[in-house]
Amino acid sequence: MTEITLYNTAKRAKERFVPIDPDNVRMYVCGPTVYDRAHIGNARPVIVFDTLFRLLRHVYGADHVTYVRNFTDVDDKINARAAESGRSIRKITDETTAWYLEDMAALGALEPSAMPRATEWIDQMVAMTAALIEKGHAYEAEGHVLFRVRSYAEYGALSGRSVDDMIAGARVEVAPYKEDPLDFVLWKPSDDATPGWDSPWGRGRPGWHIECSAMAYELLGGAFDIHGGGNDLTFPHHENEIAQSRCMGHGFANVWMHNEMLQVEGKKMSKSLGNFFTVRDLLDQGVPGEVIRFVFLSTHYRKPMDWTAEKAQAAREELAKWRAQTEDVAPGVIDLRVLEALADDLNTHGAITALRELFKEKNFASLKASASLVGLLTLELSWDYPKRHVVEVDSGSYSLTGHNMFSQRLTASDPEMLNSIRNKIGFLLKEREKARTAKNFARADALRDGFADAGVVVKDTPEGAEWELAPDFDPTKLEALK
C-alpha cells in the first residue's frame, strides 16, 4: 500500500499518515458561510482537500473514506443580507448553497460524503453546550453561554500562542458578562428579528465554533483522522474547536492540515483594489474550471498562491495540448511518479511536473489516468479547447493526432476532405522544415505566408509545429500551395 505523509500543523512536522481505522478513513473540512458567491480564495481549500479525498480513495478504496464538509447557514452576515434584501434567511442560504455546489463542481470537486447544514444540527449543539456547563468548562451569563478558556490547559497549542500573550495583545472591548477576556461564545441570545431556537438559556442561536465540534462528533465520532481548512482558521476557530471537543473527552482530529492563502496578481484580494473575483466571475469570463484547478494545483498547498492572468493562459494552452493528445485514448495505469508526489504531503506541484514528463514521453494513456487522480482531463471538466495538431519532423516523418476546429464543422460525409486537409498540412510542414534545414529561407517564408493566407495558424513549440484552422480557413488556398 502507498505510504502517505502529511504535514501536521499540531506537530509542526511531516509525519506518516496512519488512519485510526483503514476501513473508515475520516476527514472533516470547514466549509463556507453561505451568504454570497464563493470568491476564488474560498476555492483553494476545496481543491486542496478534494485532491486529498481523491488520493485517500485511491489508496484505501472509495468505500472506505468519509469526507465531511459543513455549511454554516446561521451567521450574522447572513442575517444582515436578509435585512438588506428583504428575503428570508432560508431562501438566501438555499440559493447560495446551490451556487456554491454548482461552482465547486465546475472546478472538478467531488461532492463530500456528507455536507451538514448547521441549522439541522442545533439540538446536538445545545446538548454539547449543556454538557460543557455540567463539566465546568462553560458558564451562562446574561443569556449567553461562554467557554472557560483557562479550563483547558493546552489552549493555544495548535496556533503556538500562550494565553498570557493573547491577553497582552488583545485590543478589543471585553463584554462585561465575561469571566475572562478570552472566553468565547457557545450560545447567544436572539431577538425577534434574528433566527433563534429554544434552549435551556432562552431563545438563541449557536456560536460559530460549537457548530463544527458538534457536527464532527455526530458524523465522524469522538476521534477521527484529518481536520482541514485555510490557515486563517487556525486561530481562533480551530483552536476553539479543539478546546471544546477535548473538554468533552473527545480525542478529535489526529492530523491538522492548513492551506496557505491566495493573492491576485501579487496583491491581497480586495474589492477596493479591483482584483476581487468570484469563481463564477471567472467561469462567466470564459475561464474553464479545469484551468482554474490546474493553476491552483501548480502551487503546493502550504505555500502562498498567486492567481495571475498569465498563469491562467499558460494553463489553458498546456491543458489544450494534453486534451488533444488524450481525447481518444483509453486511460492506462497511474504513473508511480504522480502517485508518489501526491503521497508526499500532497505535493501537487510535483504531480504536475510528473504529468509533464508523461506528455514529453508520449505516454498519453498513463497521462490521462494519472491526471484524473488530481481531477484533470476528466469528462466532467471537458471544455471547448483549441484543438491543434502536432507535426513531428525531426524523424523524417510526421504524425497527426486529435482534431481541429474545422473538423467540427464537417459532417460525417466529409471524411475524405478532412483527411486531405490533414495530409496536405502535414506534407507542407514537412517541406517547410526541410527548407529550414537546407537554409532555403525563401521557400520556408513562402510556405509560412501561404499558411497565413489560407487561414492555417501555425505555432512552433519544443514538441513540434502545432496548427489550427482559423475561422477564415480557405481550403482552396491551402490546396494551391506547392
Protein backbone atom coordinates (compact mmCIF):
# COMPACT_ATOMS: atom_id res chain seq x y z
CA MET A 1 0.00 0.00 0.00
CA THR A 2 1.18 3.52 -0.81
CA GLU A 3 2.60 5.28 2.27
CA ILE A 4 1.24 8.80 2.72
CA THR A 5 2.99 11.52 4.70
CA LEU A 6 1.18 14.70 5.72
CA TYR A 7 2.28 17.91 7.43
CA ASN A 8 0.53 18.06 10.80
CA THR A 9 0.10 21.65 12.00
CA ALA A 10 -0.29 20.38 15.56
CA LYS A 11 3.14 18.70 15.41
CA ARG A 12 4.78 21.26 13.11
CA ALA A 13 6.22 18.41 11.10
CA LYS A 14 5.50 15.92 8.34
CA GLU A 15 4.61 12.51 9.63
CA ARG A 16 3.50 9.17 8.29
CA PHE A 17 -0.27 9.02 7.99
CA VAL A 18 -1.69 6.08 9.95
CA PRO A 19 -5.50 6.07 9.96
CA ILE A 20 -7.38 5.09 13.09
CA ASP A 21 -9.29 2.55 11.03
CA PRO A 22 -8.05 1.85 7.46
CA ASP A 23 -11.55 0.65 6.60
CA ASN A 24 -13.04 4.01 7.58
CA VAL A 25 -10.64 6.90 6.97
CA ARG A 26 -12.37 10.08 8.19
CA MET A 27 -11.80 13.73 7.28
CA TYR A 28 -13.58 16.94 8.28
CA VAL A 29 -13.05 20.24 6.45
CA CYS A 30 -14.56 23.57 7.46
CA GLY A 31 -16.96 24.70 4.76
CA PRO A 32 -18.37 28.07 3.70
CA THR A 33 -20.67 30.56 5.35
CA VAL A 34 -23.35 30.75 2.67
CA TYR A 35 -24.41 34.35 2.19
CA ASP A 36 -22.92 35.15 -1.26
CA ARG A 37 -20.94 33.72 -4.17
CA ALA A 38 -17.66 31.98 -3.30
CA HIS A 39 -14.59 34.03 -4.24
CA ILE A 40 -11.56 32.30 -5.71
CA GLY A 41 -9.79 32.28 -2.33
CA ASN A 42 -12.67 30.17 -0.98
CA ALA A 43 -11.96 27.65 -3.74
CA ARG A 44 -8.42 26.86 -2.62
CA PRO A 45 -9.28 24.62 0.36
CA VAL A 46 -11.96 22.96 -1.74
CA ILE A 47 -9.45 21.95 -4.42
CA VAL A 48 -6.75 21.05 -1.89
CA PHE A 49 -8.93 18.72 0.16
CA ASP A 50 -10.77 17.37 -2.86
CA THR A 51 -7.36 16.24 -4.14
CA LEU A 52 -6.58 14.65 -0.77
CA PHE A 53 -10.01 12.96 -0.85
CA ARG A 54 -9.17 11.51 -4.28
CA LEU A 55 -5.79 10.26 -3.03
CA LEU A 56 -7.29 8.63 0.07
CA ARG A 57 -9.96 6.96 -2.05
CA HIS A 58 -7.30 5.63 -4.41
CA VAL A 59 -5.15 4.24 -1.58
CA TYR A 60 -7.82 2.94 0.82
CA GLY A 61 -10.77 2.40 -1.54
CA ALA A 62 -13.69 4.68 -2.39
CA ASP A 63 -15.99 2.92 0.09
CA HIS A 64 -13.52 3.33 2.96
CA VAL A 65 -13.20 7.12 3.10
CA THR A 66 -15.69 9.51 4.73
CA TYR A 67 -15.31 13.21 3.95
CA VAL A 68 -17.49 15.77 5.77
CA ARG A 69 -17.63 19.44 4.78
CA ASN A 70 -20.19 21.64 6.51
CA PHE A 71 -22.29 24.65 5.56
CA THR A 72 -22.61 27.47 8.08
CA ASP A 73 -26.13 28.73 7.39
CA VAL A 74 -26.67 30.68 10.62
CA ASP A 75 -24.45 33.74 10.91
CA ASP A 76 -24.63 37.49 11.43
CA LYS A 77 -23.56 38.12 7.79
CA ILE A 78 -26.50 36.06 6.61
CA ASN A 79 -28.81 37.96 8.95
CA ALA A 80 -27.53 41.26 7.57
CA ARG A 81 -28.02 40.10 3.97
CA ALA A 82 -31.60 39.13 4.78
CA ALA A 83 -32.26 42.52 6.35
CA GLU A 84 -30.81 44.33 3.33
CA SER A 85 -32.68 42.32 0.73
CA GLY A 86 -35.97 41.67 2.50
CA ARG A 87 -35.64 37.99 1.61
CA SER A 88 -35.95 35.16 4.10
CA ILE A 89 -32.76 33.68 5.53
CA ARG A 90 -33.70 30.20 4.30
CA LYS A 91 -34.17 31.43 0.72
CA ILE A 92 -30.80 33.16 0.82
CA THR A 93 -28.95 30.14 2.23
CA ASP A 94 -30.71 27.68 -0.10
CA GLU A 95 -29.74 29.80 -3.09
CA THR A 96 -26.15 30.44 -2.06
CA THR A 97 -25.63 26.79 -1.08
CA ALA A 98 -26.76 25.75 -4.56
CA TRP A 99 -24.44 28.35 -6.11
CA TYR A 100 -21.54 27.02 -4.08
CA LEU A 101 -22.11 23.42 -5.08
CA GLU A 102 -22.50 24.39 -8.74
CA ASP A 103 -19.32 26.48 -8.77
CA MET A 104 -17.22 23.89 -6.93
CA ALA A 105 -18.45 21.15 -9.28
CA ALA A 106 -17.28 23.35 -12.17
CA LEU A 107 -13.79 23.13 -10.63
CA GLY A 108 -13.94 19.33 -10.63
CA ALA A 109 -14.59 18.93 -6.90
CA LEU A 110 -16.28 15.68 -5.92
CA GLU A 111 -19.17 16.02 -3.50
CA PRO A 112 -18.12 15.07 0.04
CA SER A 113 -19.68 12.07 1.74
CA ALA A 114 -21.76 14.39 3.93
CA MET A 115 -22.48 18.13 3.81
CA PRO A 116 -24.31 19.02 7.03
CA ARG A 117 -26.05 22.36 7.40
CA ALA A 118 -25.55 23.90 10.83
CA THR A 119 -29.26 24.69 11.26
CA GLU A 120 -30.09 20.99 11.01
CA TRP A 121 -27.88 20.10 14.00
CA ILE A 122 -28.97 22.66 16.59
CA ASP A 123 -30.17 20.04 19.09
CA GLN A 124 -26.73 18.43 19.11
CA MET A 125 -25.07 21.82 19.64
CA VAL A 126 -27.39 22.56 22.55
CA ALA A 127 -26.62 19.16 24.07
CA MET A 128 -22.85 19.68 23.78
CA THR A 129 -23.11 23.16 25.26
CA ALA A 130 -25.13 21.84 28.21
CA ALA A 131 -22.57 19.08 28.78
CA LEU A 132 -19.71 21.61 28.84
CA ILE A 133 -21.56 23.62 31.50
CA GLU A 134 -22.08 20.47 33.55
CA LYS A 135 -18.37 19.62 33.31
CA GLY A 136 -17.40 23.12 34.49
CA HIS A 137 -15.88 24.20 31.18
CA ALA A 138 -18.64 26.69 30.31
CA TYR A 139 -20.99 29.08 32.11
CA GLU A 140 -24.18 31.03 31.47
CA ALA A 141 -24.20 34.82 31.66
CA GLU A 142 -26.98 37.19 30.57
CA GLY A 143 -28.48 34.74 28.10
CA HIS A 144 -25.06 33.79 26.71
CA VAL A 145 -23.11 30.63 27.30
CA LEU A 146 -19.33 31.04 27.21
CA PHE A 147 -16.46 28.61 27.20
CA ARG A 148 -13.88 28.95 30.00
CA VAL A 149 -10.66 29.08 28.02
CA ARG A 150 -8.44 28.69 31.09
CA SER A 151 -10.19 25.43 31.95
CA TYR A 152 -8.33 23.82 29.04
CA ALA A 153 -4.62 23.81 29.90
CA GLU A 154 -3.43 23.21 26.34
CA TYR A 155 -5.31 26.14 24.80
CA GLY A 156 -3.10 27.81 22.17
CA ALA A 157 -1.02 24.71 21.36
CA LEU A 158 -2.27 24.40 17.78
CA SER A 159 -1.51 28.01 16.86
CA GLY A 160 1.57 28.28 19.05
CA ARG A 161 0.19 31.05 21.25
CA SER A 162 0.19 31.39 25.01
CA VAL A 163 -2.86 32.58 26.91
CA ASP A 164 -0.88 35.38 28.56
CA ASP A 165 0.37 36.65 25.19
CA MET A 166 -3.19 36.62 23.86
CA ILE A 167 -4.33 38.75 26.78
CA ALA A 168 -1.43 41.18 26.35
CA GLY A 169 -2.11 41.55 22.66
CA ALA A 170 -5.87 41.97 22.94
CA ARG A 171 -7.23 45.22 21.54
CA VAL A 172 -10.96 44.52 21.78
CA GLU A 173 -13.61 45.69 24.20
CA VAL A 174 -14.45 42.90 26.63
CA ALA A 175 -18.13 42.16 27.27
CA PRO A 176 -18.93 42.78 30.95
CA TYR A 177 -20.55 39.34 31.38
CA LYS A 178 -17.30 37.50 30.56
CA GLU A 179 -15.29 35.97 33.38
CA ASP A 180 -12.16 36.22 31.26
CA PRO A 181 -11.44 38.30 28.11
CA LEU A 182 -10.51 35.14 26.17
CA ASP A 183 -13.72 33.25 26.87
CA PHE A 184 -15.71 32.68 23.69
CA VAL A 185 -19.39 32.26 22.91
CA LEU A 186 -21.06 28.86 22.64
CA TRP A 187 -24.62 30.22 22.61
CA LYS A 188 -26.02 33.73 22.26
CA PRO A 189 -29.50 35.23 22.58
CA SER A 190 -31.64 36.14 19.54
CA ASP A 191 -34.12 38.98 19.27
CA ASP A 192 -37.41 38.70 17.38
CA ALA A 193 -35.81 39.68 14.06
CA THR A 194 -32.97 37.16 14.34
CA PRO A 195 -33.12 33.38 13.81
CA GLY A 196 -33.36 31.53 17.08
CA TRP A 197 -34.08 28.20 18.71
CA ASP A 198 -35.33 27.25 22.15
CA SER A 199 -32.67 26.25 24.66
CA PRO A 200 -32.22 25.99 28.45
CA TRP A 201 -30.78 29.52 28.30
CA GLY A 202 -33.63 31.06 26.33
CA ARG A 203 -34.26 31.60 22.65
CA GLY A 204 -30.95 31.96 20.83
CA ARG A 205 -28.51 30.58 18.31
CA PRO A 206 -25.15 28.80 18.43
CA GLY A 207 -21.75 30.40 18.28
CA TRP A 208 -19.67 29.57 15.23
CA HIS A 209 -17.12 27.25 16.86
CA ILE A 210 -19.55 24.84 18.51
CA GLU A 211 -21.06 24.01 15.11
CA CYS A 212 -18.06 22.08 13.81
CA SER A 213 -17.35 20.31 17.08
CA ALA A 214 -20.92 19.02 17.31
CA MET A 215 -21.27 18.01 13.66
CA ALA A 216 -17.84 16.34 13.52
CA TYR A 217 -18.69 14.30 16.61
CA GLU A 218 -22.07 13.20 15.30
CA LEU A 219 -20.84 12.28 11.82
CA LEU A 220 -17.27 11.07 12.43
CA GLY A 221 -17.14 10.09 16.09
CA GLY A 222 -15.12 11.30 19.04
CA ALA A 223 -11.80 10.75 17.24
CA PHE A 224 -11.12 10.95 13.52
CA ASP A 225 -8.14 11.21 11.20
CA ILE A 226 -7.86 14.61 9.50
CA HIS A 227 -9.25 18.10 10.05
CA GLY A 228 -8.56 20.67 7.35
CA GLY A 229 -9.15 24.27 6.37
CA GLY A 230 -7.43 27.52 5.47
CA ASN A 231 -4.65 28.73 7.76
CA ASP A 232 -6.77 31.76 8.64
CA LEU A 233 -8.92 29.33 10.66
CA THR A 234 -6.07 28.02 12.81
CA PHE A 235 -6.85 30.70 15.39
CA PRO A 236 -9.34 31.16 16.84
CA HIS A 237 -11.72 28.74 15.09
CA HIS A 238 -9.72 25.51 15.13
CA GLU A 239 -8.15 26.33 18.47
CA ASN A 240 -11.63 26.71 19.94
CA GLU A 241 -12.89 23.54 18.30
CA ILE A 242 -10.07 21.58 19.93
CA ALA A 243 -10.75 23.09 23.36
CA GLN A 244 -14.49 22.33 23.25
CA SER A 245 -14.07 18.80 21.95
CA ARG A 246 -11.20 17.77 24.18
CA CYS A 247 -13.07 19.07 27.22
CA MET A 248 -15.94 16.80 26.17
CA GLY A 249 -13.49 13.90 26.40
CA HIS A 250 -13.24 13.52 22.61
CA GLY A 251 -9.88 12.84 21.01
CA PHE A 252 -10.98 14.91 17.99
CA ALA A 253 -8.62 15.14 14.98
CA ASN A 254 -5.25 13.38 14.82
CA VAL A 255 -3.89 15.40 11.90
CA TRP A 256 -4.47 19.11 11.28
CA MET A 257 -3.88 20.43 7.77
CA HIS A 258 -4.00 24.06 6.67
CA ASN A 259 -3.63 25.59 3.23
CA GLU A 260 -1.98 28.97 2.68
CA MET A 261 -3.84 31.99 1.37
CA LEU A 262 -4.31 33.25 -2.17
CA GLN A 263 -3.30 36.52 -3.81
CA VAL A 264 -4.31 38.02 -7.15
CA GLU A 265 -1.59 39.49 -9.35
CA GLY A 266 0.76 39.68 -6.39
CA LYS A 267 -1.62 41.52 -4.07
CA LYS A 268 -4.10 40.59 -1.40
CA MET A 269 -7.52 40.19 -3.00
CA SER A 270 -9.67 43.25 -2.29
CA LYS A 271 -12.68 44.90 -3.87
CA SER A 272 -11.01 48.27 -3.35
CA LEU A 273 -8.03 47.15 -5.48
CA GLY A 274 -10.29 45.85 -8.22
CA ASN A 275 -8.77 42.36 -8.02
CA PHE A 276 -11.66 40.61 -6.28
CA PHE A 277 -13.15 37.74 -8.29
CA THR A 278 -15.70 35.10 -7.51
CA VAL A 279 -15.38 31.66 -9.06
CA ARG A 280 -18.49 32.46 -11.09
CA ASP A 281 -16.88 35.68 -12.39
CA LEU A 282 -14.01 33.67 -13.88
CA LEU A 283 -16.27 30.99 -15.30
CA ASP A 284 -18.53 33.61 -16.90
CA GLN A 285 -15.45 35.31 -18.38
CA GLY A 286 -14.71 32.06 -20.21
CA VAL A 287 -12.01 30.65 -17.94
CA PRO A 288 -12.66 26.89 -17.86
CA GLY A 289 -12.96 25.28 -14.44
CA GLU A 290 -10.17 22.87 -15.35
CA VAL A 291 -7.85 25.82 -15.98
CA ILE A 292 -8.65 27.27 -12.55
CA ARG A 293 -8.00 23.90 -10.95
CA PHE A 294 -4.68 23.48 -12.82
CA VAL A 295 -3.42 26.88 -11.66
CA PHE A 296 -4.31 26.06 -8.06
CA LEU A 297 -2.66 22.64 -8.20
CA SER A 298 0.53 24.12 -9.62
CA THR A 299 1.42 25.57 -6.20
CA HIS A 300 1.91 23.40 -3.11
CA TYR A 301 -0.96 23.88 -0.69
CA ARG A 302 1.30 25.09 2.13
CA LYS A 303 2.77 27.87 0.01
CA PRO A 304 1.10 31.22 -0.78
CA MET A 305 -0.53 31.11 -4.19
CA ASP A 306 -0.73 33.94 -6.71
CA TRP A 307 -3.51 33.88 -9.29
CA THR A 308 -2.49 35.73 -12.45
CA ALA A 309 -3.95 36.06 -15.93
CA GLU A 310 -0.61 34.90 -17.32
CA LYS A 311 -0.73 31.66 -15.32
CA ALA A 312 -4.31 31.05 -16.43
CA GLN A 313 -3.40 31.49 -20.10
CA ALA A 314 -0.39 29.19 -19.79
CA ALA A 315 -2.55 26.57 -18.09
CA ARG A 316 -5.17 26.86 -20.82
CA GLU A 317 -2.57 26.27 -23.54
CA GLU A 318 -0.94 23.35 -21.75
CA LEU A 319 -4.23 21.63 -20.97
CA ALA A 320 -5.32 22.05 -24.60
CA LYS A 321 -2.23 20.09 -25.68
CA TRP A 322 -2.90 17.38 -23.13
CA ARG A 323 -6.55 17.06 -24.10
CA ALA A 324 -5.77 16.95 -27.82
CA GLN A 325 -3.44 14.00 -27.27
CA THR A 326 -5.65 12.09 -24.82
CA GLU A 327 -9.13 12.75 -26.21
CA ASP A 328 -9.44 9.41 -27.98
CA VAL A 329 -7.11 7.44 -25.69
CA ALA A 330 -8.29 4.92 -23.09
CA PRO A 331 -6.86 5.59 -19.60
CA GLY A 332 -3.83 3.50 -18.75
CA VAL A 333 -2.02 2.91 -15.46
CA ILE A 334 -1.45 5.71 -12.95
CA ASP A 335 2.21 6.65 -13.06
CA LEU A 336 4.17 5.97 -9.88
CA ARG A 337 5.84 9.40 -10.03
CA VAL A 338 2.49 11.15 -9.83
CA LEU A 339 1.28 8.94 -7.00
CA GLU A 340 4.49 9.36 -5.01
CA ALA A 341 4.35 13.15 -5.36
CA LEU A 342 0.79 13.26 -4.04
CA ALA A 343 1.63 10.87 -1.22
CA ASP A 344 4.42 13.23 -0.15
CA ASP A 345 2.30 15.78 1.71
CA LEU A 346 0.02 16.32 -1.27
CA ASN A 347 2.78 17.71 -3.49
CA THR A 348 0.55 18.72 -6.40
CA HIS A 349 3.33 20.82 -7.93
CA GLY A 350 5.44 17.67 -8.14
CA ALA A 351 2.50 15.75 -9.57
CA ILE A 352 2.05 18.37 -12.33
CA THR A 353 5.78 18.09 -13.11
CA ALA A 354 5.41 14.32 -13.44
CA LEU A 355 2.39 14.77 -15.73
CA ARG A 356 4.52 16.99 -17.97
CA GLU A 357 7.11 14.23 -18.16
CA LEU A 358 4.42 11.78 -19.26
CA PHE A 359 3.42 14.18 -22.02
CA LYS A 360 7.02 14.51 -23.20
CA GLU A 361 7.34 10.71 -23.14
CA LYS A 362 4.15 10.49 -25.24
CA ASN A 363 2.67 8.12 -22.67
CA PHE A 364 -0.78 9.54 -23.22
CA ALA A 365 -2.70 6.62 -21.71
CA SER A 366 -0.86 6.98 -18.42
CA LEU A 367 -1.15 10.79 -18.65
CA LYS A 368 -4.92 10.50 -18.85
CA ALA A 369 -5.18 8.11 -15.91
CA SER A 370 -2.66 10.00 -13.76
CA ALA A 371 -4.23 13.40 -14.44
CA SER A 372 -7.62 12.08 -13.34
CA LEU A 373 -6.11 11.33 -9.92
CA VAL A 374 -5.78 15.09 -9.39
CA GLY A 375 -9.09 15.84 -11.10
CA LEU A 376 -7.75 16.86 -14.52
CA LEU A 377 -8.58 15.60 -18.03
CA THR A 378 -11.87 14.23 -16.74
CA LEU A 379 -15.02 14.02 -18.83
CA GLU A 380 -16.82 16.25 -16.33
CA LEU A 381 -14.36 19.11 -16.92
CA SER A 382 -14.43 18.94 -20.73
CA TRP A 383 -14.29 22.33 -22.41
CA ASP A 384 -14.10 23.74 -25.91
CA TYR A 385 -10.32 23.83 -26.03
CA PRO A 386 -8.39 24.95 -29.16
CA LYS A 387 -7.81 21.62 -30.84
CA ARG A 388 -4.41 21.62 -32.55
CA HIS A 389 -2.29 19.09 -34.39
CA VAL A 390 1.35 18.44 -33.59
CA VAL A 391 3.59 17.51 -36.52
CA GLU A 392 6.94 15.90 -35.76
CA VAL A 393 9.52 16.37 -38.47
CA ASP A 394 12.84 15.58 -36.80
CA SER A 395 12.48 11.87 -37.57
CA GLY A 396 11.86 12.44 -41.26
CA SER A 397 8.16 11.67 -40.95
CA TYR A 398 5.14 13.31 -39.46
CA SER A 399 2.22 12.13 -37.34
CA LEU A 400 -1.09 13.82 -36.75
CA THR A 401 -3.36 13.28 -33.77
CA GLY A 402 -6.52 14.80 -32.39
CA HIS A 403 -8.99 17.03 -34.20
CA ASN A 404 -9.21 20.70 -35.12
CA MET A 405 -11.78 23.45 -35.15
CA PHE A 406 -12.53 22.97 -38.85
CA SER A 407 -13.21 19.27 -38.35
CA GLN A 408 -16.06 20.15 -36.04
CA ARG A 409 -17.77 21.93 -38.91
CA LEU A 410 -17.50 18.93 -41.23
CA THR A 411 -20.25 16.36 -41.39
CA ALA A 412 -19.85 12.59 -41.28
CA SER A 413 -19.95 12.60 -45.08
CA ASP A 414 -16.72 14.63 -45.33
CA PRO A 415 -14.03 12.21 -44.07
CA GLU A 416 -12.08 12.31 -47.33
CA MET A 417 -11.95 16.10 -47.31
CA LEU A 418 -10.84 16.16 -43.68
CA ASN A 419 -8.09 13.61 -44.27
CA SER A 420 -6.97 15.52 -47.35
CA ILE A 421 -6.61 18.71 -45.28
CA ARG A 422 -4.65 16.91 -42.57
CA ASN A 423 -2.35 15.26 -45.07
CA LYS A 424 -1.80 18.46 -47.03
CA ILE A 425 -0.85 20.48 -43.94
CA GLY A 426 1.38 17.69 -42.66
CA PHE A 427 3.17 17.46 -46.03
CA LEU A 428 3.69 21.23 -46.26
CA LEU A 429 5.01 21.47 -42.70
CA LYS A 430 7.45 18.73 -43.51
CA GLU A 431 8.51 20.67 -46.61
CA ARG A 432 8.93 23.84 -44.55
CA GLU A 433 11.19 22.01 -42.10
CA LYS A 434 13.28 20.61 -44.96
CA ALA A 435 13.66 24.14 -46.37
CA ARG A 436 14.78 25.46 -42.98
CA THR A 437 17.33 22.66 -42.61
CA ALA A 438 18.69 23.43 -46.09
CA LYS A 439 18.74 27.17 -45.23
CA ASN A 440 16.33 27.79 -48.09
CA PHE A 441 14.63 30.59 -46.20
CA ALA A 442 12.80 31.94 -49.25
CA ARG A 443 10.94 28.64 -49.58
CA ALA A 444 10.26 28.44 -45.82
CA ASP A 445 8.94 32.03 -45.75
CA ALA A 446 6.73 31.39 -48.77
CA LEU A 447 5.13 28.42 -47.03
CA ARG A 448 4.69 30.47 -43.84
CA ASP A 449 2.93 33.23 -45.78
CA GLY A 450 0.87 30.68 -47.67
CA PHE A 451 -0.36 29.12 -44.46
CA ALA A 452 -1.39 32.54 -43.13
CA ASP A 453 -3.20 33.41 -46.36
CA ALA A 454 -5.10 30.10 -46.28
CA GLY A 455 -6.15 30.59 -42.64
CA VAL A 456 -3.89 27.94 -41.11
CA VAL A 457 -2.41 29.18 -37.82
CA VAL A 458 1.00 27.57 -37.21
CA LYS A 459 2.90 27.79 -33.95
CA ASP A 460 6.35 26.30 -33.39
CA THR A 461 6.86 24.66 -30.00
CA PRO A 462 9.59 22.47 -28.46
CA GLU A 463 7.31 19.48 -29.11
CA GLY A 464 6.90 20.32 -32.81
CA ALA A 465 4.79 22.55 -35.02
CA GLU A 466 1.17 23.00 -33.86
CA TRP A 467 -1.57 24.10 -36.17
CA GLU A 468 -5.22 25.01 -36.09
CA LEU A 469 -7.67 26.30 -38.66
CA ALA A 470 -8.83 29.88 -38.25
CA PRO A 471 -12.47 30.90 -38.87
CA ASP A 472 -11.40 32.29 -42.29
CA PHE A 473 -9.79 28.99 -43.39
CA ASP A 474 -9.92 28.62 -47.19
CA PRO A 475 -9.27 25.04 -48.37
CA THR A 476 -8.81 26.18 -51.97
CA LYS A 477 -5.87 28.42 -50.99
CA LEU A 478 -4.38 25.56 -49.00
CA GLU A 479 -4.72 23.22 -51.98
CA ALA A 480 -2.98 25.77 -54.21
CA LEU A 481 0.14 25.75 -52.02
CA LYS A 482 3.06 23.89 -53.60
